[in-house]
Amino acid sequence: MRRIKSVFRRLWLRGHGIREEFSCTRLDLGVGRGSWCVCPDALNAQSIVYSVGIGADISFDLALISRFQAVVHAFDPTPRARDWIRTQTVSSRFVYHDYGIAAYDGMLAFHAPKNPGSAHFSPVPRYRGAPLCQVAAPVKTLKTIMAMLGHARLDVLKLDIEGGEYDVIKNILADRLSIRQLLIEFHHNYRTIRFNQTLEALRQLREAGFRIFRISPRGLEFSLVRVG
């Protein structure tokens, strides 16, 4: 069933003109659904990487550190992610921050997943008619975070924020932040998120100079690079 859904997603994207449109070297890092594709050509130990939304899977982050010796700043304020990361032994080049990203600075209500073992808290109601169970956690805009950490640019920004990506993309583009590669999981597979929201986000990114160089087999994870 999952494979059939993935095929239909990719066909749906193609039918709306969404396809891989930029050719570059591609490298998959991470394990299983924690894997992401990067363009490795300009990545090195001086690269600045933000990984936003880690849940309970940092295989991508650790693989990137191992391959390039880059410092990865990871962000996730949700309780199960915080508890899980405390149990992990990680490289000193992995820097965890216990706040998330949003289109404003403040507190954000996250909806708990149905599965009590899942770390996938969402800033949007994922299920129609689901019981109301929320936790509040601190969030900041990407502009605020970069200023706090002293970064003028990002070489890679990975966003896996369970439906919060649409508002964050608008905010990032409005602030004209310098980002070379953008890795995003879109969540148009959620019943409460319309496919047109992903189409509009991709249109805005294209206008800002981003081009897709990889769409995952699931049709949800997109890797983009800024050209020109």
C-alpha atoms as a PDB file:
ATOM      1  CA  MET A   1       0.000   0.000   0.000  1.00  0.00           C
ATOM      2  CA  ARG A   2       2.782   2.460   0.883  1.00  0.00           C
ATOM      3  CA  ARG A   3       4.532   1.741  -2.427  1.00  0.00           C
ATOM      4  CA  ILE A   4       1.307   2.371  -4.357  1.00  0.00           C
ATOM      5  CA  LYS A   5       0.773   5.673  -2.547  1.00  0.00           C
ATOM      6  CA  SER A   6       4.357   6.705  -3.338  1.00  0.00           C
ATOM      7  CA  VAL A   7       3.866   5.955  -7.040  1.00  0.00           C
ATOM      8  CA  PHE A   8       0.672   8.015  -7.141  1.00  0.00           C
ATOM      9  CA  ARG A   9       2.372  10.920  -5.345  1.00  0.00           C
ATOM     10  CA  ARG A  10       5.169  11.039  -7.892  1.00  0.00           C
ATOM     11  CA  LEU A  11       2.714  10.805 -10.788  1.00  0.00           C
ATOM     12  CA  TRP A  12       0.650  13.577  -9.229  1.00  0.00           C
ATOM     13  CA  LEU A  13       3.737  15.773  -8.899  1.00  0.00           C
ATOM     14  CA  ARG A  14       4.776  15.079 -12.474  1.00  0.00           C
ATOM     15  CA  GLY A  15       1.288  15.905 -13.679  1.00  0.00           C
ATOM     16  CA  HIS A  16       1.683  19.347 -12.122  1.00  0.00           C
ATOM     17  CA  GLY A  17       5.104  19.921 -13.673  1.00  0.00           C
ATOM     18  CA  ILE A  18       7.087  19.138 -10.513  1.00  0.00           C
ATOM     19  CA  ARG A  19      10.205  17.156 -11.386  1.00  0.00           C
ATOM     20  CA  GLU A  20      13.951  17.063 -10.881  1.00  0.00           C
ATOM     21  CA  GLU A  21      15.298  20.001 -12.875  1.00  0.00           C
ATOM     22  CA  PHE A  22      18.928  20.516 -11.871  1.00  0.00           C
ATOM     23  CA  SER A  23      21.827  18.166 -12.457  1.00  0.00           C
ATOM     24  CA  CYS A  24      24.557  17.839  -9.846  1.00  0.00           C
ATOM     25  CA  THR A  25      26.485  15.157  -8.011  1.00  0.00           C
ATOM     26  CA  ARG A  26      24.093  13.458  -5.587  1.00  0.00           C
ATOM     27  CA  LEU A  27      24.906  11.692  -2.351  1.00  0.00           C
ATOM     28  CA  ASP A  28      22.449   9.852  -0.098  1.00  0.00           C
ATOM     29  CA  LEU A  29      23.301  10.025   3.606  1.00  0.00           C
ATOM     30  CA  GLY A  30      21.505   8.369   6.494  1.00  0.00           C
ATOM     31  CA  VAL A  31      19.531   5.177   7.008  1.00  0.00           C
ATOM     32  CA  GLY A  32      16.091   4.271   5.652  1.00  0.00           C
ATOM     33  CA  ARG A  33      13.518   7.033   6.025  1.00  0.00           C
ATOM     34  CA  GLY A  34      16.166   9.077   7.840  1.00  0.00           C
ATOM     35  CA  SER A  35      18.131   9.320   4.597  1.00  0.00           C
ATOM     36  CA  TRP A  36      18.517  12.597   2.713  1.00  0.00           C
ATOM     37  CA  CYS A  37      20.174  13.478  -0.576  1.00  0.00           C
ATOM     38  CA  VAL A  38      22.747  16.283  -0.754  1.00  0.00           C
ATOM     39  CA  CYS A  39      24.905  17.747  -3.488  1.00  0.00           C
ATOM     40  CA  PRO A  40      28.354  17.123  -1.935  1.00  0.00           C
ATOM     41  CA  ASP A  41      30.538  19.197  -4.261  1.00  0.00           C
ATOM     42  CA  ALA A  42      30.856  22.273  -2.037  1.00  0.00           C
ATOM     43  CA  LEU A  43      30.571  20.585   1.374  1.00  0.00           C
ATOM     44  CA  ASN A  44      33.560  20.410   3.708  1.00  0.00           C
ATOM     45  CA  ALA A  45      34.600  20.866   7.345  1.00  0.00           C
ATOM     46  CA  GLN A  46      33.757  24.583   7.185  1.00  0.00           C
ATOM     47  CA  SER A  47      30.209  24.018   5.969  1.00  0.00           C
ATOM     48  CA  ILE A  48      27.364  25.263   8.159  1.00  0.00           C
ATOM     49  CA  VAL A  49      24.511  22.764   8.468  1.00  0.00           C
ATOM     50  CA  TYR A  50      21.197  23.114  10.297  1.00  0.00           C
ATOM     51  CA  SER A  51      19.090  19.982  10.792  1.00  0.00           C
ATOM     52  CA  VAL A  52      15.637  21.031  11.979  1.00  0.00           C
ATOM     53  CA  GLY A  53      13.324  18.342  13.281  1.00  0.00           C
ATOM     54  CA  ILE A  54      15.324  15.314  14.351  1.00  0.00           C
ATOM     55  CA  GLY A  55      12.709  13.225  16.144  1.00  0.00           C
ATOM     56  CA  ALA A  56      14.547  10.038  17.104  1.00  0.00           C
ATOM     57  CA  ASP A  57      16.739   9.659  14.019  1.00  0.00           C
ATOM     58  CA  ILE A  58      20.065  11.438  13.496  1.00  0.00           C
ATOM     59  CA  SER A  59      21.549   8.975  11.020  1.00  0.00           C
ATOM     60  CA  PHE A  60      21.715  11.693   8.347  1.00  0.00           C
ATOM     61  CA  ASP A  61      23.412  14.139  10.704  1.00  0.00           C
ATOM     62  CA  LEU A  62      26.027  11.648  11.851  1.00  0.00           C
ATOM     63  CA  ALA A  63      26.714  10.451   8.298  1.00  0.00           C
ATOM     64  CA  LEU A  64      27.249  14.030   7.163  1.00  0.00           C
ATOM     65  CA  ILE A  65      29.641  14.661  10.054  1.00  0.00           C
ATOM     66  CA  SER A  66      31.543  11.462   9.288  1.00  0.00           C
ATOM     67  CA  ARG A  67      31.829  12.245   5.571  1.00  0.00           C
ATOM     68  CA  PHE A  68      32.666  15.966   5.689  1.00  0.00           C
ATOM     69  CA  GLN A  69      33.636  16.702   9.315  1.00  0.00           C
ATOM     70  CA  ALA A  70      31.111  19.545   9.246  1.00  0.00           C
ATOM     71  CA  VAL A  71      29.455  20.839  12.409  1.00  0.00           C
ATOM     72  CA  VAL A  72      25.724  20.043  12.394  1.00  0.00           C
ATOM     73  CA  HIS A  73      23.379  22.169  14.489  1.00  0.00           C
ATOM     74  CA  ALA A  74      20.271  20.096  15.281  1.00  0.00           C
ATOM     75  CA  PHE A  75      16.964  21.514  16.515  1.00  0.00           C
ATOM     76  CA  ASP A  76      13.934  19.838  18.060  1.00  0.00           C
ATOM     77  CA  PRO A  77      12.042  21.089  21.141  1.00  0.00           C
ATOM     78  CA  THR A  78       9.502  18.275  21.420  1.00  0.00           C
ATOM     79  CA  PRO A  79       9.615  16.146  24.596  1.00  0.00           C
ATOM     80  CA  ARG A  80      10.307  12.730  23.099  1.00  0.00           C
ATOM     81  CA  ALA A  81      13.096  14.098  20.914  1.00  0.00           C
ATOM     82  CA  ARG A  82      14.665  15.828  23.938  1.00  0.00           C
ATOM     83  CA  ASP A  83      14.467  12.669  26.026  1.00  0.00           C
ATOM     84  CA  TRP A  84      15.819  10.485  23.226  1.00  0.00           C
ATOM     85  CA  ILE A  85      18.787  12.692  22.374  1.00  0.00           C
ATOM     86  CA  ARG A  86      19.925  12.573  26.019  1.00  0.00           C
ATOM     87  CA  THR A  87      20.397   8.813  25.634  1.00  0.00           C
ATOM     88  CA  GLN A  88      22.684   9.145  22.595  1.00  0.00           C
ATOM     89  CA  THR A  89      26.470   9.329  22.465  1.00  0.00           C
ATOM     90  CA  VAL A  90      27.319  11.688  19.638  1.00  0.00           C
ATOM     91  CA  SER A  91      30.272  13.507  18.094  1.00  0.00           C
ATOM     92  CA  SER A  92      31.288  16.884  19.496  1.00  0.00           C
ATOM     93  CA  ARG A  93      30.487  18.196  16.007  1.00  0.00           C
ATOM     94  CA  PHE A  94      26.820  17.452  16.619  1.00  0.00           C
ATOM     95  CA  VAL A  95      25.301  20.405  18.522  1.00  0.00           C
ATOM     96  CA  TYR A  96      21.756  19.986  19.812  1.00  0.00           C
ATOM     97  CA  HIS A  97      19.444  22.950  20.494  1.00  0.00           C
ATOM     98  CA  ASP A  98      16.221  22.386  22.439  1.00  0.00           C
ATOM     99  CA  TYR A  99      14.100  24.872  20.505  1.00  0.00           C
ATOM    100  CA  GLY A 100      12.401  24.655  17.133  1.00  0.00           C
ATOM    101  CA  ILE A 101      11.817  26.818  14.104  1.00  0.00           C
ATOM    102  CA  ALA A 102       8.690  28.773  13.210  1.00  0.00           C
ATOM    103  CA  ALA A 103       7.630  31.988  11.504  1.00  0.00           C
ATOM    104  CA  TYR A 104       7.902  33.879  14.808  1.00  0.00           C
ATOM    105  CA  ASP A 105       9.806  33.888  18.108  1.00  0.00           C
ATOM    106  CA  GLY A 106       7.857  32.535  21.072  1.00  0.00           C
ATOM    107  CA  MET A 107       6.018  29.405  22.104  1.00  0.00           C
ATOM    108  CA  LEU A 108       4.275  26.981  19.759  1.00  0.00           C
ATOM    109  CA  ALA A 109       1.712  24.265  20.482  1.00  0.00           C
ATOM    110  CA  PHE A 110       2.710  20.860  19.098  1.00  0.00           C
ATOM    111  CA  HIS A 111       0.132  18.109  18.549  1.00  0.00           C
ATOM    112  CA  ALA A 112       1.173  14.749  19.934  1.00  0.00           C
ATOM    113  CA  PRO A 113       1.235  11.753  17.577  1.00  0.00           C
ATOM    114  CA  LYS A 114      -1.284   8.935  17.972  1.00  0.00           C
ATOM    115  CA  ASN A 115       1.509   6.431  18.474  1.00  0.00           C
ATOM    116  CA  PRO A 116       2.861   6.875  22.025  1.00  0.00           C
ATOM    117  CA  GLY A 117       6.283   5.686  20.854  1.00  0.00           C
ATOM    118  CA  SER A 118       6.559   8.187  18.017  1.00  0.00           C
ATOM    119  CA  ALA A 119       8.622  11.378  18.262  1.00  0.00           C
ATOM    120  CA  HIS A 120       6.751  13.038  15.379  1.00  0.00           C
ATOM    121  CA  PHE A 121       5.018  15.938  17.113  1.00  0.00           C
ATOM    122  CA  SER A 122       3.367  18.327  14.660  1.00  0.00           C
ATOM    123  CA  PRO A 123       2.564  22.067  14.786  1.00  0.00           C
ATOM    124  CA  VAL A 124      -0.566  21.330  12.748  1.00  0.00           C
ATOM    125  CA  PRO A 125      -3.406  18.913  13.591  1.00  0.00           C
ATOM    126  CA  ARG A 126      -2.346  15.845  11.650  1.00  0.00           C
ATOM    127  CA  TYR A 127      -5.565  13.832  11.960  1.00  0.00           C
ATOM    128  CA  ARG A 128      -9.099  15.097  11.510  1.00  0.00           C
ATOM    129  CA  GLY A 129     -11.087  14.453  14.642  1.00  0.00           C
ATOM    130  CA  ALA A 130      -8.019  13.407  16.619  1.00  0.00           C
ATOM    131  CA  PRO A 131      -8.120  13.989  20.407  1.00  0.00           C
ATOM    132  CA  LEU A 132      -6.657  17.322  21.428  1.00  0.00           C
ATOM    133  CA  CYS A 133      -3.293  16.626  23.048  1.00  0.00           C
ATOM    134  CA  GLN A 134      -0.730  19.391  22.826  1.00  0.00           C
ATOM    135  CA  VAL A 135       2.557  20.463  24.361  1.00  0.00           C
ATOM    136  CA  ALA A 136       4.015  23.962  24.195  1.00  0.00           C
ATOM    137  CA  ALA A 137       7.659  24.398  23.218  1.00  0.00           C
ATOM    138  CA  PRO A 138       9.941  27.329  22.348  1.00  0.00           C
ATOM    139  CA  VAL A 139      10.503  28.311  18.707  1.00  0.00           C
ATOM    140  CA  LYS A 140      12.445  30.993  16.867  1.00  0.00           C
ATOM    141  CA  THR A 141      12.657  32.240  13.294  1.00  0.00           C
ATOM    142  CA  LEU A 142      15.601  31.088  11.223  1.00  0.00           C
ATOM    143  CA  LYS A 143      16.804  34.695  11.064  1.00  0.00           C
ATOM    144  CA  THR A 144      16.863  34.885  14.875  1.00  0.00           C
ATOM    145  CA  ILE A 145      18.662  31.536  15.176  1.00  0.00           C
ATOM    146  CA  MET A 146      21.340  32.461  12.641  1.00  0.00           C
ATOM    147  CA  ALA A 147      21.946  35.778  14.409  1.00  0.00           C
ATOM    148  CA  MET A 148      22.199  34.028  17.807  1.00  0.00           C
ATOM    149  CA  LEU A 149      24.700  31.485  16.475  1.00  0.00           C
ATOM    150  CA  GLY A 150      26.662  34.035  14.438  1.00  0.00           C
ATOM    151  CA  HIS A 151      25.988  32.542  11.005  1.00  0.00           C
ATOM    152  CA  ALA A 152      25.596  34.753   7.938  1.00  0.00           C
ATOM    153  CA  ARG A 153      24.855  31.827   5.604  1.00  0.00           C
ATOM    154  CA  LEU A 154      23.845  28.169   5.619  1.00  0.00           C
ATOM    155  CA  ASP A 155      25.322  25.559   3.329  1.00  0.00           C
ATOM    156  CA  VAL A 156      22.571  23.039   4.113  1.00  0.00           C
ATOM    157  CA  LEU A 157      19.213  23.518   5.812  1.00  0.00           C
ATOM    158  CA  LYS A 158      17.188  20.351   6.430  1.00  0.00           C
ATOM    159  CA  LEU A 159      13.544  20.889   7.397  1.00  0.00           C
ATOM    160  CA  ASP A 160      11.485  17.963   8.646  1.00  0.00           C
ATOM    161  CA  ILE A 161       8.954  19.796  10.776  1.00  0.00           C
ATOM    162  CA  GLU A 162       5.755  17.805  10.320  1.00  0.00           C
ATOM    163  CA  GLY A 163       3.609  20.298   8.425  1.00  0.00           C
ATOM    164  CA  GLY A 164       5.158  23.498   9.768  1.00  0.00           C
ATOM    165  CA  GLU A 165       7.322  23.904   6.655  1.00  0.00           C
ATOM    166  CA  TYR A 166       4.847  26.044   4.705  1.00  0.00           C
ATOM    167  CA  ASP A 167       4.853  29.042   7.039  1.00  0.00           C
ATOM    168  CA  VAL A 168       8.589  28.673   7.654  1.00  0.00           C
ATOM    169  CA  ILE A 169       9.401  28.736   3.932  1.00  0.00           C
ATOM    170  CA  LYS A 170       7.440  31.962   3.508  1.00  0.00           C
ATOM    171  CA  ASN A 171       9.305  33.480   6.454  1.00  0.00           C
ATOM    172  CA  ILE A 172      12.738  32.363   5.204  1.00  0.00           C
ATOM    173  CA  LEU A 173      12.128  33.800   1.746  1.00  0.00           C
ATOM    174  CA  ALA A 174      10.741  37.065   3.155  1.00  0.00           C
ATOM    175  CA  ASP A 175      13.899  37.464   5.259  1.00  0.00           C
ATOM    176  CA  ARG A 176      16.112  36.789   2.187  1.00  0.00           C
ATOM    177  CA  LEU A 177      18.422  34.446   4.076  1.00  0.00           C
ATOM    178  CA  SER A 178      21.478  32.972   2.378  1.00  0.00           C
ATOM    179  CA  ILE A 179      20.925  29.224   1.990  1.00  0.00           C
ATOM    180  CA  ARG A 180      22.766  27.083  -0.551  1.00  0.00           C
ATOM    181  CA  GLN A 181      20.949  23.727  -0.210  1.00  0.00           C
ATOM    182  CA  LEU A 182      17.469  23.138   1.155  1.00  0.00           C
ATOM    183  CA  LEU A 183      16.244  19.659   2.073  1.00  0.00           C
ATOM    184  CA  ILE A 184      12.529  19.542   2.875  1.00  0.00           C
ATOM    185  CA  GLU A 185       9.988  16.902   3.698  1.00  0.00           C
ATOM    186  CA  PHE A 186       6.599  18.187   2.593  1.00  0.00           C
ATOM    187  CA  HIS A 187       3.599  16.757   4.394  1.00  0.00           C
ATOM    188  CA  HIS A 188       0.842  16.830   1.786  1.00  0.00           C
ATOM    189  CA  ASN A 189       0.258  13.213   2.829  1.00  0.00           C
ATOM    190  CA  TYR A 190      -1.426  14.563   5.992  1.00  0.00           C
ATOM    191  CA  ARG A 191      -5.204  14.679   5.702  1.00  0.00           C
ATOM    192  CA  THR A 192      -5.251  18.256   6.973  1.00  0.00           C
ATOM    193  CA  ILE A 193      -2.736  19.596   4.412  1.00  0.00           C
ATOM    194  CA  ARG A 194      -3.699  20.308   0.808  1.00  0.00           C
ATOM    195  CA  PHE A 195      -1.430  19.277  -2.061  1.00  0.00           C
ATOM    196  CA  ASN A 196      -1.761  22.822  -3.420  1.00  0.00           C
ATOM    197  CA  GLN A 197       0.162  24.074  -0.386  1.00  0.00           C
ATOM    198  CA  THR A 198       3.194  22.121  -1.562  1.00  0.00           C
ATOM    199  CA  LEU A 199       2.763  23.357  -5.129  1.00  0.00           C
ATOM    200  CA  GLU A 200       2.660  26.956  -3.893  1.00  0.00           C
ATOM    201  CA  ALA A 201       5.716  26.491  -1.652  1.00  0.00           C
ATOM    202  CA  LEU A 202       7.707  25.013  -4.546  1.00  0.00           C
ATOM    203  CA  ARG A 203       6.609  27.890  -6.785  1.00  0.00           C
ATOM    204  CA  GLN A 204       7.863  30.421  -4.222  1.00  0.00           C
ATOM    205  CA  LEU A 205      11.167  28.573  -3.863  1.00  0.00           C
ATOM    206  CA  ARG A 206      11.653  28.479  -7.619  1.00  0.00           C
ATOM    207  CA  GLU A 207      11.062  32.238  -7.829  1.00  0.00           C
ATOM    208  CA  ALA A 208      13.774  32.648  -5.191  1.00  0.00           C
ATOM    209  CA  GLY A 209      16.276  30.707  -7.325  1.00  0.00           C
ATOM    210  CA  PHE A 210      15.984  27.186  -5.904  1.00  0.00           C
ATOM    211  CA  ARG A 211      15.960  24.207  -8.260  1.00  0.00           C
ATOM    212  CA  ILE A 212      15.018  20.599  -7.435  1.00  0.00           C
ATOM    213  CA  PHE A 213      17.818  18.089  -7.883  1.00  0.00           C
ATOM    214  CA  ARG A 214      16.182  15.136  -6.141  1.00  0.00           C
ATOM    215  CA  ILE A 215      12.683  13.942  -5.267  1.00  0.00           C
ATOM    216  CA  SER A 216      12.592  10.878  -3.041  1.00  0.00           C
ATOM    217  CA  PRO A 217      10.852   7.680  -4.132  1.00  0.00           C
ATOM    218  CA  ARG A 218       8.120   8.505  -1.579  1.00  0.00           C
ATOM    219  CA  GLY A 219       7.421  11.811  -3.331  1.00  0.00           C
ATOM    220  CA  LEU A 220       7.676  13.737  -0.044  1.00  0.00           C
ATOM    221  CA  GLU A 221      11.361  14.586   0.447  1.00  0.00           C
ATOM    222  CA  PHE A 222      12.807  17.252  -1.853  1.00  0.00           C
ATOM    223  CA  SER A 223      16.431  18.361  -2.242  1.00  0.00           C
ATOM    224  CA  LEU A 224      16.942  21.818  -3.770  1.00  0.00           C
ATOM    225  CA  VAL A 225      19.977  23.924  -4.552  1.00  0.00           C
ATOM    226  CA  ARG A 226      20.069  27.679  -5.075  1.00  0.00           C
ATOM    227  CA  VAL A 227      21.492  28.599  -8.463  1.00  0.00           C
ATOM    228  CA  GLY A 228      22.736  31.881  -9.857  1.00  0.00           C
END
